[in-house]
Amino acid sequence: CPDLDTVMYTLGGGINEEQGWGRTDETWSIKAEMK
């Protein structure tokens, strides 16, 4: 749910400020393994 999560993360202090979506201090291990 991209829009619900973006509101939740932004107002809750967990958003990646630079890109405006997703989590701050994110890592990508699962996506790499799925690939």
ModelCIF file with pLDDT and N, C-alpha, C, O atoms, coordinates in Angstrom:
data_MODEL
#
_entry.id   MODEL 
#
_entity.id                         1 
_entity.type                       polymer 
_entity.pdbx_number_of_molecules   1 
#
_entity_poly.entity_id                      1 
_entity_poly.type                           'polypeptide(L)' 
_entity_poly.nstd_linkage                   no 
_entity_poly.nstd_monomer                   no 
_entity_poly.pdbx_seq_one_letter_code       CPDLDTVMYTLGGGINEEQGWGRTDETWSIKAEMK 
_entity_poly.pdbx_seq_one_letter_code_can   CPDLDTVMYTLGGGINEEQGWGRTDETWSIKAEMK 
_entity_poly.pdbx_strand_id                 A 
#
loop_
_entity_poly_seq.entity_id 
_entity_poly_seq.num 
_entity_poly_seq.mon_id 
_entity_poly_seq.hetero 
1 1  CYS n 
1 2  PRO n 
1 3  ASP n 
1 4  LEU n 
1 5  ASP n 
1 6  THR n 
1 7  VAL n 
1 8  MET n 
1 9  TYR n 
1 10 THR n 
1 11 LEU n 
1 12 GLY n 
1 13 GLY n 
1 14 GLY n 
1 15 ILE n 
1 16 ASN n 
1 17 GLU n 
1 18 GLU n 
1 19 GLN n 
1 20 GLY n 
1 21 TRP n 
1 22 GLY n 
1 23 ARG n 
1 24 THR n 
1 25 ASP n 
1 26 GLU n 
1 27 THR n 
1 28 TRP n 
1 29 SER n 
1 30 ILE n 
1 31 LYS n 
1 32 ALA n 
1 33 GLU n 
1 34 MET n 
1 35 LYS n 
#
_struct_asym.id          A 
_struct_asym.entity_id   1 
#
loop_
_ma_qa_metric.id 
_ma_qa_metric.mode 
_ma_qa_metric.name 
_ma_qa_metric.software_group_id 
_ma_qa_metric.type 
1 global pLDDT . pLDDT 
2 local  pLDDT . pLDDT 
#
_ma_qa_metric_global.metric_id      1 
_ma_qa_metric_global.metric_value   95.23 
_ma_qa_metric_global.model_id       1 
_ma_qa_metric_global.ordinal_id     1 
#
loop_
_ma_qa_metric_local.label_asym_id 
_ma_qa_metric_local.label_comp_id 
_ma_qa_metric_local.label_seq_id 
_ma_qa_metric_local.metric_id 
_ma_qa_metric_local.metric_value 
_ma_qa_metric_local.model_id 
_ma_qa_metric_local.ordinal_id 
A CYS 1  2 98.00 1 1  
A PRO 2  2 97.00 1 2  
A ASP 3  2 97.00 1 3  
A LEU 4  2 98.00 1 4  
A ASP 5  2 98.00 1 5  
A THR 6  2 97.00 1 6  
A VAL 7  2 98.00 1 7  
A MET 8  2 98.00 1 8  
A TYR 9  2 98.00 1 9  
A THR 10 2 98.00 1 10 
A LEU 11 2 98.00 1 11 
A GLY 12 2 97.00 1 12 
A GLY 13 2 96.00 1 13 
A GLY 14 2 96.00 1 14 
A ILE 15 2 96.00 1 15 
A ASN 16 2 94.00 1 16 
A GLU 17 2 93.00 1 17 
A GLU 18 2 90.00 1 18 
A GLN 19 2 90.00 1 19 
A GLY 20 2 92.00 1 20 
A TRP 21 2 92.00 1 21 
A GLY 22 2 93.00 1 22 
A ARG 23 2 95.00 1 23 
A THR 24 2 94.00 1 24 
A ASP 25 2 94.00 1 25 
A GLU 26 2 96.00 1 26 
A THR 27 2 96.00 1 27 
A TRP 28 2 95.00 1 28 
A SER 29 2 96.00 1 29 
A ILE 30 2 95.00 1 30 
A LYS 31 2 93.00 1 31 
A ALA 32 2 94.00 1 32 
A GLU 33 2 95.00 1 33 
A MET 34 2 93.00 1 34 
A LYS 35 2 93.00 1 35 
#
loop_
_atom_site.group_PDB 
_atom_site.id 
_atom_site.type_symbol 
_atom_site.label_atom_id 
_atom_site.label_alt_id 
_atom_site.label_comp_id 
_atom_site.label_asym_id 
_atom_site.label_entity_id 
_atom_site.label_seq_id 
_atom_site.pdbx_PDB_ins_code 
_atom_site.Cartn_x 
_atom_site.Cartn_y 
_atom_site.Cartn_z 
_atom_site.occupancy 
_atom_site.B_iso_or_equiv 
_atom_site.pdbx_formal_charge 
_atom_site.auth_seq_id 
_atom_site.auth_comp_id 
_atom_site.auth_asym_id 
_atom_site.auth_atom_id 
_atom_site.pdbx_PDB_model_num 
ATOM 1   N N  . CYS A 1 1  ? 0.856  -1.194  0.000  1.00 98.00 ? 1  CYS A N  1 
ATOM 2   C CA . CYS A 1 1  ? 0.000  0.000   0.000  1.00 98.00 ? 1  CYS A CA 1 
ATOM 3   C C  . CYS A 1 1  ? 0.891  1.242   0.000  1.00 98.00 ? 1  CYS A C  1 
ATOM 4   O O  . CYS A 1 1  ? 1.111  1.831   1.058  1.00 98.00 ? 1  CYS A O  1 
ATOM 5   N N  . PRO A 1 2  ? 1.405  1.652   -1.154 1.00 97.00 ? 2  PRO A N  1 
ATOM 6   C CA . PRO A 1 2  ? 2.402  2.727   -1.190 1.00 97.00 ? 2  PRO A CA 1 
ATOM 7   C C  . PRO A 1 2  ? 1.952  4.039   -0.556 1.00 97.00 ? 2  PRO A C  1 
ATOM 8   O O  . PRO A 1 2  ? 2.712  4.647   0.197  1.00 97.00 ? 2  PRO A O  1 
ATOM 9   N N  . ASP A 1 3  ? 0.721  4.489   -0.850 1.00 97.00 ? 3  ASP A N  1 
ATOM 10  C CA . ASP A 1 3  ? 0.301  5.792   -0.344 1.00 97.00 ? 3  ASP A CA 1 
ATOM 11  C C  . ASP A 1 3  ? 0.046  5.763   1.159  1.00 97.00 ? 3  ASP A C  1 
ATOM 12  O O  . ASP A 1 3  ? 0.453  6.683   1.869  1.00 97.00 ? 3  ASP A O  1 
ATOM 13  N N  . LEU A 1 4  ? -0.615 4.731   1.650  1.00 98.00 ? 4  LEU A N  1 
ATOM 14  C CA . LEU A 1 4  ? -0.834 4.624   3.093  1.00 98.00 ? 4  LEU A CA 1 
ATOM 15  C C  . LEU A 1 4  ? 0.498  4.581   3.825  1.00 98.00 ? 4  LEU A C  1 
ATOM 16  O O  . LEU A 1 4  ? 0.670  5.237   4.852  1.00 98.00 ? 4  LEU A O  1 
ATOM 17  N N  . ASP A 1 5  ? 1.438  3.809   3.296  1.00 98.00 ? 5  ASP A N  1 
ATOM 18  C CA . ASP A 1 5  ? 2.726  3.676   3.971  1.00 98.00 ? 5  ASP A CA 1 
ATOM 19  C C  . ASP A 1 5  ? 3.529  4.969   3.923  1.00 98.00 ? 5  ASP A C  1 
ATOM 20  O O  . ASP A 1 5  ? 4.219  5.311   4.883  1.00 98.00 ? 5  ASP A O  1 
ATOM 21  N N  . THR A 1 6  ? 3.440  5.692   2.803  1.00 97.00 ? 6  THR A N  1 
ATOM 22  C CA . THR A 1 6  ? 4.176  6.950   2.709  1.00 97.00 ? 6  THR A CA 1 
ATOM 23  C C  . THR A 1 6  ? 3.667  7.962   3.733  1.00 97.00 ? 6  THR A C  1 
ATOM 24  O O  . THR A 1 6  ? 4.461  8.672   4.352  1.00 97.00 ? 6  THR A O  1 
ATOM 25  N N  . VAL A 1 7  ? 2.357  8.030   3.913  1.00 98.00 ? 7  VAL A N  1 
ATOM 26  C CA . VAL A 1 7  ? 1.805  8.903   4.954  1.00 98.00 ? 7  VAL A CA 1 
ATOM 27  C C  . VAL A 1 7  ? 2.267  8.445   6.333  1.00 98.00 ? 7  VAL A C  1 
ATOM 28  O O  . VAL A 1 7  ? 2.701  9.258   7.149  1.00 98.00 ? 7  VAL A O  1 
ATOM 29  N N  . MET A 1 8  ? 2.174  7.152   6.587  1.00 98.00 ? 8  MET A N  1 
ATOM 30  C CA . MET A 1 8  ? 2.536  6.593   7.890  1.00 98.00 ? 8  MET A CA 1 
ATOM 31  C C  . MET A 1 8  ? 4.015  6.817   8.206  1.00 98.00 ? 8  MET A C  1 
ATOM 32  O O  . MET A 1 8  ? 4.358  7.247   9.307  1.00 98.00 ? 8  MET A O  1 
ATOM 33  N N  . TYR A 1 9  ? 4.886  6.527   7.245  1.00 98.00 ? 9  TYR A N  1 
ATOM 34  C CA . TYR A 1 9  ? 6.322  6.702   7.464  1.00 98.00 ? 9  TYR A CA 1 
ATOM 35  C C  . TYR A 1 9  ? 6.699  8.177   7.602  1.00 98.00 ? 9  TYR A C  1 
ATOM 36  O O  . TYR A 1 9  ? 7.498  8.545   8.463  1.00 98.00 ? 9  TYR A O  1 
ATOM 37  N N  . THR A 1 10 ? 6.112  9.020   6.741  1.00 98.00 ? 10 THR A N  1 
ATOM 38  C CA . THR A 1 10 ? 6.464  10.450  6.774  1.00 98.00 ? 10 THR A CA 1 
ATOM 39  C C  . THR A 1 10 ? 6.090  11.079  8.109  1.00 98.00 ? 10 THR A C  1 
ATOM 40  O O  . THR A 1 10 ? 6.898  11.774  8.725  1.00 98.00 ? 10 THR A O  1 
ATOM 41  N N  . LEU A 1 11 ? 4.862  10.830  8.552  1.00 98.00 ? 11 LEU A N  1 
ATOM 42  C CA . LEU A 1 11 ? 4.400  11.443  9.800  1.00 98.00 ? 11 LEU A CA 1 
ATOM 43  C C  . LEU A 1 11 ? 4.981  10.739  11.022 1.00 98.00 ? 11 LEU A C  1 
ATOM 44  O O  . LEU A 1 11 ? 5.023  11.312  12.110 1.00 98.00 ? 11 LEU A O  1 
ATOM 45  N N  . GLY A 1 12 ? 5.429  9.500   10.843 1.00 97.00 ? 12 GLY A N  1 
ATOM 46  C CA . GLY A 1 12 ? 5.994  8.744   11.956 1.00 97.00 ? 12 GLY A CA 1 
ATOM 47  C C  . GLY A 1 12 ? 7.500  8.824   12.063 1.00 97.00 ? 12 GLY A C  1 
ATOM 48  O O  . GLY A 1 12 ? 8.083  8.234   12.971 1.00 97.00 ? 12 GLY A O  1 
ATOM 49  N N  . GLY A 1 13 ? 8.152  9.549   11.146 1.00 96.00 ? 13 GLY A N  1 
ATOM 50  C CA . GLY A 1 13 ? 9.593  9.750   11.238 1.00 96.00 ? 13 GLY A CA 1 
ATOM 51  C C  . GLY A 1 13 ? 10.440 8.647   10.646 1.00 96.00 ? 13 GLY A C  1 
ATOM 52  O O  . GLY A 1 13 ? 11.623 8.544   10.968 1.00 96.00 ? 13 GLY A O  1 
ATOM 53  N N  . GLY A 1 14 ? 9.859  7.806   9.776  1.00 96.00 ? 14 GLY A N  1 
ATOM 54  C CA . GLY A 1 14 ? 10.636 6.710   9.213  1.00 96.00 ? 14 GLY A CA 1 
ATOM 55  C C  . GLY A 1 14 ? 10.869 6.798   7.721  1.00 96.00 ? 14 GLY A C  1 
ATOM 56  O O  . GLY A 1 14 ? 11.396 5.859   7.123  1.00 96.00 ? 14 GLY A O  1 
ATOM 57  N N  . ILE A 1 15 ? 10.483 7.918   7.100  1.00 96.00 ? 15 ILE A N  1 
ATOM 58  C CA . ILE A 1 15 ? 10.549 8.023   5.647  1.00 96.00 ? 15 ILE A CA 1 
ATOM 59  C C  . ILE A 1 15 ? 11.962 8.328   5.162  1.00 96.00 ? 15 ILE A C  1 
ATOM 60  O O  . ILE A 1 15 ? 12.739 8.980   5.859  1.00 96.00 ? 15 ILE A O  1 
ATOM 61  N N  . ASN A 1 16 ? 12.283 7.858   3.981  1.00 94.00 ? 16 ASN A N  1 
ATOM 62  C CA . ASN A 1 16 ? 13.511 8.280   3.306  1.00 94.00 ? 16 ASN A CA 1 
ATOM 63  C C  . ASN A 1 16 ? 13.256 9.678   2.747  1.00 94.00 ? 16 ASN A C  1 
ATOM 64  O O  . ASN A 1 16 ? 12.565 9.825   1.739  1.00 94.00 ? 16 ASN A O  1 
ATOM 65  N N  . GLU A 1 17 ? 13.800 10.684  3.383  1.00 93.00 ? 17 GLU A N  1 
ATOM 66  C CA . GLU A 1 17 ? 13.475 12.064  3.036  1.00 93.00 ? 17 GLU A CA 1 
ATOM 67  C C  . GLU A 1 17 ? 13.910 12.429  1.620  1.00 93.00 ? 17 GLU A C  1 
ATOM 68  O O  . GLU A 1 17 ? 13.223 13.183  0.931  1.00 93.00 ? 17 GLU A O  1 
ATOM 69  N N  . GLU A 1 18 ? 15.044 11.898  1.188  1.00 90.00 ? 18 GLU A N  1 
ATOM 70  C CA . GLU A 1 18 ? 15.568 12.283  -0.118 1.00 90.00 ? 18 GLU A CA 1 
ATOM 71  C C  . GLU A 1 18 ? 14.653 11.840  -1.244 1.00 90.00 ? 18 GLU A C  1 
ATOM 72  O O  . GLU A 1 18 ? 14.374 12.617  -2.156 1.00 90.00 ? 18 GLU A O  1 
ATOM 73  N N  . GLN A 1 19 ? 14.177 10.587  -1.191 1.00 90.00 ? 19 GLN A N  1 
ATOM 74  C CA . GLN A 1 19 ? 13.334 10.112  -2.283 1.00 90.00 ? 19 GLN A CA 1 
ATOM 75  C C  . GLN A 1 19 ? 11.847 10.290  -2.000 1.00 90.00 ? 19 GLN A C  1 
ATOM 76  O O  . GLN A 1 19 ? 11.038 10.260  -2.927 1.00 90.00 ? 19 GLN A O  1 
ATOM 77  N N  . GLY A 1 20 ? 11.473 10.476  -0.729 1.00 92.00 ? 20 GLY A N  1 
ATOM 78  C CA . GLY A 1 20 ? 10.080 10.739  -0.386 1.00 92.00 ? 20 GLY A CA 1 
ATOM 79  C C  . GLY A 1 20 ? 9.236  9.499   -0.229 1.00 92.00 ? 20 GLY A C  1 
ATOM 80  O O  . GLY A 1 20 ? 8.052  9.610   0.089  1.00 92.00 ? 20 GLY A O  1 
ATOM 81  N N  . TRP A 1 21 ? 9.800  8.310   -0.442 1.00 92.00 ? 21 TRP A N  1 
ATOM 82  C CA . TRP A 1 21 ? 9.076  7.055   -0.264 1.00 92.00 ? 21 TRP A CA 1 
ATOM 83  C C  . TRP A 1 21 ? 10.052 6.030   0.322  1.00 92.00 ? 21 TRP A C  1 
ATOM 84  O O  . TRP A 1 21 ? 11.268 6.213   0.273  1.00 92.00 ? 21 TRP A O  1 
ATOM 85  N N  . GLY A 1 22 ? 9.502  4.966   0.869  1.00 93.00 ? 22 GLY A N  1 
ATOM 86  C CA . GLY A 1 22 ? 10.361 3.942   1.454  1.00 93.00 ? 22 GLY A CA 1 
ATOM 87  C C  . GLY A 1 22 ? 10.942 4.358   2.790  1.00 93.00 ? 22 GLY A C  1 
ATOM 88  O O  . GLY A 1 22 ? 10.684 5.455   3.285  1.00 93.00 ? 22 GLY A O  1 
ATOM 89  N N  . ARG A 1 23 ? 11.724 3.468   3.361  1.00 95.00 ? 23 ARG A N  1 
ATOM 90  C CA . ARG A 1 23 ? 12.266 3.668   4.704  1.00 95.00 ? 23 ARG A CA 1 
ATOM 91  C C  . ARG A 1 23 ? 13.641 4.322   4.682  1.00 95.00 ? 23 ARG A C  1 
ATOM 92  O O  . ARG A 1 23 ? 14.410 4.166   3.734  1.00 95.00 ? 23 ARG A O  1 
ATOM 93  N N  . THR A 1 24 ? 13.923 5.049   5.739  1.00 94.00 ? 24 THR A N  1 
ATOM 94  C CA . THR A 1 24 ? 15.262 5.584   5.930  1.00 94.00 ? 24 THR A CA 1 
ATOM 95  C C  . THR A 1 24 ? 16.211 4.457   6.323  1.00 94.00 ? 24 THR A C  1 
ATOM 96  O O  . THR A 1 24 ? 15.793 3.446   6.888  1.00 94.00 ? 24 THR A O  1 
ATOM 97  N N  . ASP A 1 25 ? 17.493 4.643   6.016  1.00 94.00 ? 25 ASP A N  1 
ATOM 98  C CA . ASP A 1 25 ? 18.530 3.646   6.342  1.00 94.00 ? 25 ASP A CA 1 
ATOM 99  C C  . ASP A 1 25 ? 18.153 2.262   5.828  1.00 94.00 ? 25 ASP A C  1 
ATOM 100 O O  . ASP A 1 25 ? 18.317 1.261   6.525  1.00 94.00 ? 25 ASP A O  1 
ATOM 101 N N  . GLU A 1 26 ? 17.650 2.222   4.611  1.00 96.00 ? 26 GLU A N  1 
ATOM 102 C CA . GLU A 1 26 ? 17.165 0.973   4.034  1.00 96.00 ? 26 GLU A CA 1 
ATOM 103 C C  . GLU A 1 26 ? 18.313 0.115   3.515  1.00 96.00 ? 26 GLU A C  1 
ATOM 104 O O  . GLU A 1 26 ? 19.366 0.631   3.142  1.00 96.00 ? 26 GLU A O  1 
ATOM 105 N N  . THR A 1 27 ? 18.101 -1.190  3.495  1.00 96.00 ? 27 THR A N  1 
ATOM 106 C CA . THR A 1 27 ? 18.995 -2.137  2.845  1.00 96.00 ? 27 THR A CA 1 
ATOM 107 C C  . THR A 1 27 ? 18.166 -2.967  1.876  1.00 96.00 ? 27 THR A C  1 
ATOM 108 O O  . THR A 1 27 ? 16.936 -2.945  1.924  1.00 96.00 ? 27 THR A O  1 
ATOM 109 N N  . TRP A 1 28 ? 18.852 -3.711  0.982  1.00 95.00 ? 28 TRP A N  1 
ATOM 110 C CA . TRP A 1 28 ? 18.152 -4.324  -0.140 1.00 95.00 ? 28 TRP A CA 1 
ATOM 111 C C  . TRP A 1 28 ? 18.494 -5.799  -0.337 1.00 95.00 ? 28 TRP A C  1 
ATOM 112 O O  . TRP A 1 28 ? 18.500 -6.296  -1.463 1.00 95.00 ? 28 TRP A O  1 
ATOM 113 N N  . SER A 1 29 ? 18.774 -6.481  0.742  1.00 96.00 ? 29 SER A N  1 
ATOM 114 C CA . SER A 1 29 ? 19.198 -7.884  0.647  1.00 96.00 ? 29 SER A CA 1 
ATOM 115 C C  . SER A 1 29 ? 18.100 -8.779  0.080  1.00 96.00 ? 29 SER A C  1 
ATOM 116 O O  . SER A 1 29 ? 18.372 -9.630  -0.766 1.00 96.00 ? 29 SER A O  1 
ATOM 117 N N  . ILE A 1 30 ? 16.868 -8.596  0.537  1.00 95.00 ? 30 ILE A N  1 
ATOM 118 C CA . ILE A 1 30 ? 15.786 -9.469  0.077  1.00 95.00 ? 30 ILE A CA 1 
ATOM 119 C C  . ILE A 1 30 ? 15.570 -9.295  -1.423 1.00 95.00 ? 30 ILE A C  1 
ATOM 120 O O  . ILE A 1 30 ? 15.422 -10.279 -2.148 1.00 95.00 ? 30 ILE A O  1 
ATOM 121 N N  . LYS A 1 31 ? 15.551 -8.062  -1.884 1.00 93.00 ? 31 LYS A N  1 
ATOM 122 C CA . LYS A 1 31 ? 15.343 -7.821  -3.306 1.00 93.00 ? 31 LYS A CA 1 
ATOM 123 C C  . LYS A 1 31 ? 16.466 -8.457  -4.128 1.00 93.00 ? 31 LYS A C  1 
ATOM 124 O O  . LYS A 1 31 ? 16.215 -9.023  -5.192 1.00 93.00 ? 31 LYS A O  1 
ATOM 125 N N  . ALA A 1 32 ? 17.704 -8.364  -3.633 1.00 94.00 ? 32 ALA A N  1 
ATOM 126 C CA . ALA A 1 32 ? 18.834 -8.964  -4.336 1.00 94.00 ? 32 ALA A CA 1 
ATOM 127 C C  . ALA A 1 32 ? 18.699 -10.480 -4.406 1.00 94.00 ? 32 ALA A C  1 
ATOM 128 O O  . ALA A 1 32 ? 19.002 -11.090 -5.431 1.00 94.00 ? 32 ALA A O  1 
ATOM 129 N N  . GLU A 1 33 ? 18.244 -11.083 -3.313 1.00 95.00 ? 33 GLU A N  1 
ATOM 130 C CA . GLU A 1 33 ? 18.065 -12.538 -3.296 1.00 95.00 ? 33 GLU A CA 1 
ATOM 131 C C  . GLU A 1 33 ? 16.927 -12.960 -4.229 1.00 95.00 ? 33 GLU A C  1 
ATOM 132 O O  . GLU A 1 33 ? 17.028 -13.981 -4.909 1.00 95.00 ? 33 GLU A O  1 
ATOM 133 N N  . MET A 1 34 ? 15.840 -12.171 -4.261 1.00 93.00 ? 34 MET A N  1 
ATOM 134 C CA . MET A 1 34 ? 14.740 -12.483 -5.162 1.00 93.00 ? 34 MET A CA 1 
ATOM 135 C C  . MET A 1 34 ? 15.220 -12.442 -6.617 1.00 93.00 ? 34 MET A C  1 
ATOM 136 O O  . MET A 1 34 ? 14.809 -13.263 -7.437 1.00 93.00 ? 34 MET A O  1 
ATOM 137 N N  . LYS A 1 35 ? 16.084 -11.488 -6.923 1.00 93.00 ? 35 LYS A N  1 
ATOM 138 C CA . LYS A 1 35 ? 16.626 -11.383 -8.278 1.00 93.00 ? 35 LYS A CA 1 
ATOM 139 C C  . LYS A 1 35 ? 17.436 -12.624 -8.624 1.00 93.00 ? 35 LYS A C  1 
ATOM 140 O O  . LYS A 1 35 ? 17.974 -12.722 -9.727 1.00 93.00 ? 35 LYS A O  1 
#
